[in-house]
Amino acid sequence: MNADGADDLAQPRLRTAQAVLAAAQAMYAKGLVEGTAGNVSGRVGDGTLCLTPSSLGYEAMRVGDLVFVDLDGSLVAGDGHPSSEKALHLACYRQWPEVGGVVHCHPLYASMFAVARQPIPAAIEEVVIYIGGDVEVCDYHLTGSDELGAAVAGALGRRSAVLMANHGLVTVGRDPAEALRAALVVERTAHIVWGARLLGSPGSVPEKVNEDFAGVYRWIRESAWVPEDRF
């Protein structure tokens, strides 16, 4: 086994683990979390999920530190403990079979909206294309609880992102990289809206434009979120 434990993983799991690790380390580098907060996961074609482990710093994290669970949450590979938010990830994958990556993070501006329990409006077109529309806020539930997982998964039906009241942000995508991109789009938009409100009353994108771009989002999600190498 090499230093990062990669030799022990079959190719589909290795590819997913590498994608999860890259997204997790980028999430940390871009300031979407501090310390060991947040978590990232990816779906493997063999029916398992790869998750970041609990309480391990992202800079020190290696492929061999990641863990694999089945859709019931049982550990199938890895020596660490799955993220304490395992239930949240499981709920997203169970309810939405097209989802291949999940990112849970605590970005500054998006978290302000989560604490204020205010949705982030789709004030710029790219939010509708990449996220599907406004980023809504789901009800507060205890961190790590099945209730939180169910609330998050239920809110993701027509969106790639949801705010958790008094907590943070969850985003999904075709794979971990796209889930991370969604998180970055949401955080950038939250920052823009926050600043625009200081300047005055932000304008809205015309409803017809939002409807058209939401159709683009749905088409992409329905037709392109099932990568061949997952099956």
Protein backbone atom coordinates (compact mmCIF):
# COMPACT_ATOMS: atom_id res chain seq x y z
CA MET A 1 0.00 0.00 0.00
CA ASN A 2 1.36 3.45 -0.81
CA ALA A 3 1.35 6.44 1.51
CA ASP A 4 -2.17 7.56 0.75
CA GLY A 5 -3.77 4.11 0.74
CA ALA A 6 -4.77 4.29 -2.93
CA ASP A 7 -3.45 0.81 -3.77
CA ASP A 8 -6.22 -0.76 -1.72
CA LEU A 9 -9.04 0.72 -3.81
CA ALA A 10 -10.61 -0.71 -6.96
CA GLN A 11 -10.63 1.70 -9.89
CA PRO A 12 -14.25 2.99 -9.63
CA ARG A 13 -13.84 3.65 -5.92
CA LEU A 14 -10.40 5.17 -6.47
CA ARG A 15 -11.73 7.61 -9.09
CA THR A 16 -14.57 8.65 -6.82
CA ALA A 17 -12.27 8.98 -3.81
CA GLN A 18 -9.88 11.18 -5.78
CA ALA A 19 -12.79 13.38 -6.88
CA VAL A 20 -14.11 13.66 -3.32
CA LEU A 21 -10.67 14.52 -1.95
CA ALA A 22 -10.05 17.16 -4.65
CA ALA A 23 -13.42 18.80 -3.98
CA ALA A 24 -12.92 18.71 -0.20
CA GLN A 25 -9.48 20.28 -0.37
CA ALA A 26 -10.68 22.93 -2.85
CA MET A 27 -13.65 23.67 -0.57
CA TYR A 28 -11.23 24.34 2.28
CA ALA A 29 -8.75 26.30 0.14
CA LYS A 30 -11.52 28.57 -1.16
CA GLY A 31 -12.65 29.42 2.36
CA LEU A 32 -16.02 27.69 2.29
CA VAL A 33 -15.22 26.03 5.64
CA GLU A 34 -12.84 26.49 8.56
CA GLY A 35 -10.99 23.75 10.41
CA THR A 36 -12.59 20.34 9.95
CA ALA A 37 -16.12 21.67 9.37
CA GLY A 38 -18.13 20.59 6.36
CA ASN A 39 -18.03 17.34 4.40
CA VAL A 40 -18.03 16.02 0.84
CA SER A 41 -19.21 12.78 -0.73
CA GLY A 42 -19.49 11.04 -4.10
CA ARG A 43 -21.50 8.14 -5.48
CA VAL A 44 -19.72 5.05 -6.81
CA GLY A 45 -21.21 2.84 -9.51
CA ASP A 46 -21.12 -0.22 -7.24
CA GLY A 47 -23.83 1.26 -5.03
CA THR A 48 -21.50 2.63 -2.37
CA LEU A 49 -20.82 6.21 -1.33
CA CYS A 50 -17.43 7.76 -0.57
CA LEU A 51 -17.37 10.28 2.29
CA THR A 52 -14.79 12.45 3.97
CA PRO A 53 -13.99 11.21 7.47
CA SER A 54 -14.89 12.94 10.71
CA SER A 55 -12.47 15.30 12.47
CA LEU A 56 -9.55 15.18 10.05
CA GLY A 57 -8.03 18.34 8.59
CA TYR A 58 -8.39 18.75 4.83
CA GLU A 59 -4.76 19.68 4.20
CA ALA A 60 -3.59 16.42 5.77
CA MET A 61 -6.37 14.28 4.27
CA ARG A 62 -5.38 11.55 1.79
CA VAL A 63 -7.34 9.14 -0.40
CA GLY A 64 -6.73 6.34 2.08
CA ASP A 65 -8.46 8.34 4.82
CA LEU A 66 -11.80 8.38 3.01
CA VAL A 67 -14.52 5.92 3.94
CA PHE A 68 -17.14 4.02 1.95
CA VAL A 69 -20.66 3.19 3.11
CA ASP A 70 -23.67 1.56 1.47
CA LEU A 71 -27.02 3.31 1.11
CA ASP A 72 -28.05 1.93 4.50
CA GLY A 73 -25.09 3.73 6.06
CA SER A 74 -23.09 0.60 6.91
CA LEU A 75 -19.32 0.91 6.62
CA VAL A 76 -17.96 -1.19 3.76
CA ALA A 77 -14.38 0.13 3.42
CA GLY A 78 -12.00 2.44 5.22
CA ASP A 79 -10.62 2.68 8.74
CA GLY A 80 -11.97 6.10 9.71
CA HIS A 81 -15.35 7.25 10.94
CA PRO A 82 -17.72 8.68 8.31
CA SER A 83 -18.67 12.32 8.63
CA SER A 84 -21.10 13.13 11.43
CA GLU A 85 -23.43 14.42 8.68
CA LYS A 86 -23.62 10.97 7.06
CA ALA A 87 -27.43 10.96 7.31
CA LEU A 88 -27.65 14.16 5.26
CA HIS A 89 -25.60 12.68 2.41
CA LEU A 90 -27.46 9.38 2.48
CA ALA A 91 -30.82 11.13 2.26
CA CYS A 92 -29.75 13.10 -0.82
CA TYR A 93 -28.53 10.01 -2.66
CA ARG A 94 -31.51 7.88 -1.73
CA GLN A 95 -34.06 10.44 -2.89
CA TRP A 96 -32.26 11.65 -6.03
CA PRO A 97 -30.57 8.82 -7.99
CA GLU A 98 -29.13 11.27 -10.53
CA VAL A 99 -27.04 13.01 -7.86
CA GLY A 100 -23.39 11.97 -7.92
CA GLY A 101 -21.81 14.44 -5.50
CA VAL A 102 -22.82 16.30 -2.33
CA VAL A 103 -21.04 19.21 -0.62
CA HIS A 104 -21.94 20.53 2.81
CA CYS A 105 -20.16 23.74 3.78
CA HIS A 106 -20.43 26.95 5.83
CA PRO A 107 -19.59 29.83 3.45
CA LEU A 108 -19.73 33.25 5.11
CA TYR A 109 -22.33 35.11 3.05
CA ALA A 110 -24.59 32.14 2.35
CA SER A 111 -24.51 31.32 6.06
CA MET A 112 -25.68 34.88 6.85
CA PHE A 113 -28.80 34.15 4.80
CA ALA A 114 -29.19 30.80 6.56
CA VAL A 115 -29.01 32.45 9.99
CA ALA A 116 -31.44 35.17 8.89
CA ARG A 117 -33.61 32.38 7.42
CA GLN A 118 -33.90 34.27 4.16
CA PRO A 119 -33.65 32.66 0.71
CA ILE A 120 -30.93 33.80 -1.66
CA PRO A 121 -32.75 35.17 -4.71
CA ALA A 122 -31.69 34.20 -8.21
CA ALA A 123 -30.64 37.77 -8.92
CA ILE A 124 -28.26 36.84 -11.74
CA GLU A 125 -28.88 34.45 -14.62
CA GLU A 126 -26.14 31.94 -13.79
CA VAL A 127 -27.89 31.06 -10.54
CA VAL A 128 -30.88 29.75 -12.46
CA ILE A 129 -28.72 27.85 -14.97
CA TYR A 130 -26.48 26.20 -12.36
CA ILE A 131 -28.79 26.05 -9.32
CA GLY A 132 -32.30 26.05 -10.80
CA GLY A 133 -33.58 29.22 -9.12
CA ASP A 134 -33.75 30.84 -5.69
CA VAL A 135 -31.89 29.03 -2.92
CA GLU A 136 -34.53 28.27 -0.30
CA VAL A 137 -34.10 27.69 3.44
CA CYS A 138 -35.21 24.41 4.99
CA ASP A 139 -36.43 24.22 8.58
CA TYR A 140 -33.97 23.92 11.43
CA HIS A 141 -33.11 20.40 12.59
CA LEU A 142 -30.28 19.15 14.78
CA THR A 143 -26.93 18.61 13.08
CA GLY A 144 -26.42 14.98 12.06
CA SER A 145 -30.07 14.03 12.52
CA ASP A 146 -32.19 11.99 10.13
CA GLU A 147 -34.72 14.84 10.24
CA LEU A 148 -32.15 17.28 8.85
CA GLY A 149 -31.26 14.86 6.08
CA ALA A 150 -34.91 14.43 5.10
CA ALA A 151 -35.51 18.19 5.09
CA VAL A 152 -32.47 18.87 2.91
CA ALA A 153 -33.20 16.09 0.44
CA GLY A 154 -36.83 17.14 0.14
CA ALA A 155 -35.83 20.72 -0.69
CA LEU A 156 -33.52 19.66 -3.53
CA GLY A 157 -36.20 18.50 -5.97
CA ARG A 158 -35.82 21.38 -8.44
CA ARG A 159 -32.60 22.93 -7.17
CA SER A 160 -28.92 22.12 -6.68
CA ALA A 161 -28.68 23.97 -3.38
CA VAL A 162 -30.52 24.52 -0.12
CA LEU A 163 -29.72 26.56 2.98
CA MET A 164 -30.07 24.92 6.38
CA ALA A 165 -31.56 27.32 8.93
CA ASN A 166 -28.90 28.53 11.41
CA HIS A 167 -26.37 26.15 9.92
CA GLY A 168 -24.99 26.41 6.38
CA LEU A 169 -25.32 25.23 2.80
CA VAL A 170 -25.76 21.91 0.98
CA THR A 171 -25.22 21.58 -2.77
CA VAL A 172 -25.46 18.64 -5.16
CA GLY A 173 -24.24 17.88 -8.66
CA ARG A 174 -23.39 15.29 -11.25
CA ASP A 175 -20.17 14.66 -9.32
CA PRO A 176 -18.29 16.23 -6.38
CA ALA A 177 -16.66 18.86 -8.62
CA GLU A 178 -20.02 20.11 -9.89
CA ALA A 179 -21.47 20.13 -6.37
CA LEU A 180 -18.52 22.31 -5.34
CA ARG A 181 -19.09 24.64 -8.29
CA ALA A 182 -22.71 25.01 -7.19
CA ALA A 183 -21.54 26.00 -3.70
CA LEU A 184 -19.21 28.63 -5.15
CA VAL A 185 -22.00 30.04 -7.35
CA VAL A 186 -24.31 30.27 -4.33
CA GLU A 187 -21.70 31.98 -2.16
CA ARG A 188 -20.81 34.48 -4.89
CA THR A 189 -24.48 35.26 -5.41
CA ALA A 190 -25.08 35.69 -1.67
CA HIS A 191 -22.21 38.17 -1.58
CA ILE A 192 -23.60 40.07 -4.59
CA VAL A 193 -27.12 40.24 -3.13
CA TRP A 194 -25.80 41.34 0.26
CA GLY A 195 -23.85 44.16 -1.38
CA ALA A 196 -26.68 45.14 -3.71
CA ARG A 197 -29.03 45.52 -0.75
CA LEU A 198 -26.59 47.94 0.84
CA LEU A 199 -26.66 50.02 -2.34
CA GLY A 200 -30.45 50.05 -2.63
CA SER A 201 -33.23 47.79 -3.86
CA PRO A 202 -31.86 45.03 -6.13
CA GLY A 203 -33.66 44.48 -9.40
CA SER A 204 -35.02 41.10 -10.46
CA VAL A 205 -34.36 39.02 -13.55
CA PRO A 206 -37.54 38.95 -15.71
CA GLU A 207 -39.76 35.99 -14.87
CA LYS A 208 -39.75 34.71 -18.47
CA VAL A 209 -35.95 34.62 -18.44
CA ASN A 210 -35.98 32.70 -15.15
CA GLU A 211 -38.46 30.20 -16.54
CA ASP A 212 -36.40 29.63 -19.67
CA PHE A 213 -33.13 29.18 -17.80
CA ALA A 214 -34.81 26.91 -15.24
CA GLY A 215 -35.75 24.73 -18.20
CA VAL A 216 -32.08 24.59 -19.18
CA TYR A 217 -31.19 23.54 -15.64
CA ARG A 218 -33.81 20.77 -15.61
CA TRP A 219 -32.66 19.49 -19.00
CA ILE A 220 -29.04 19.31 -17.83
CA ARG A 221 -30.00 17.56 -14.60
CA GLU A 222 -32.21 15.03 -16.33
CA SER A 223 -29.93 14.27 -19.28
CA ALA A 224 -26.35 14.76 -18.09
CA TRP A 225 -26.23 13.85 -14.40
CA VAL A 226 -25.75 10.11 -14.94
CA PRO A 227 -22.08 9.64 -15.85
CA GLU A 228 -21.35 6.33 -17.56
CA ASP A 229 -18.48 5.41 -15.25
CA ARG A 230 -20.85 5.27 -12.25
CA PHE A 231 -22.56 2.17 -13.65
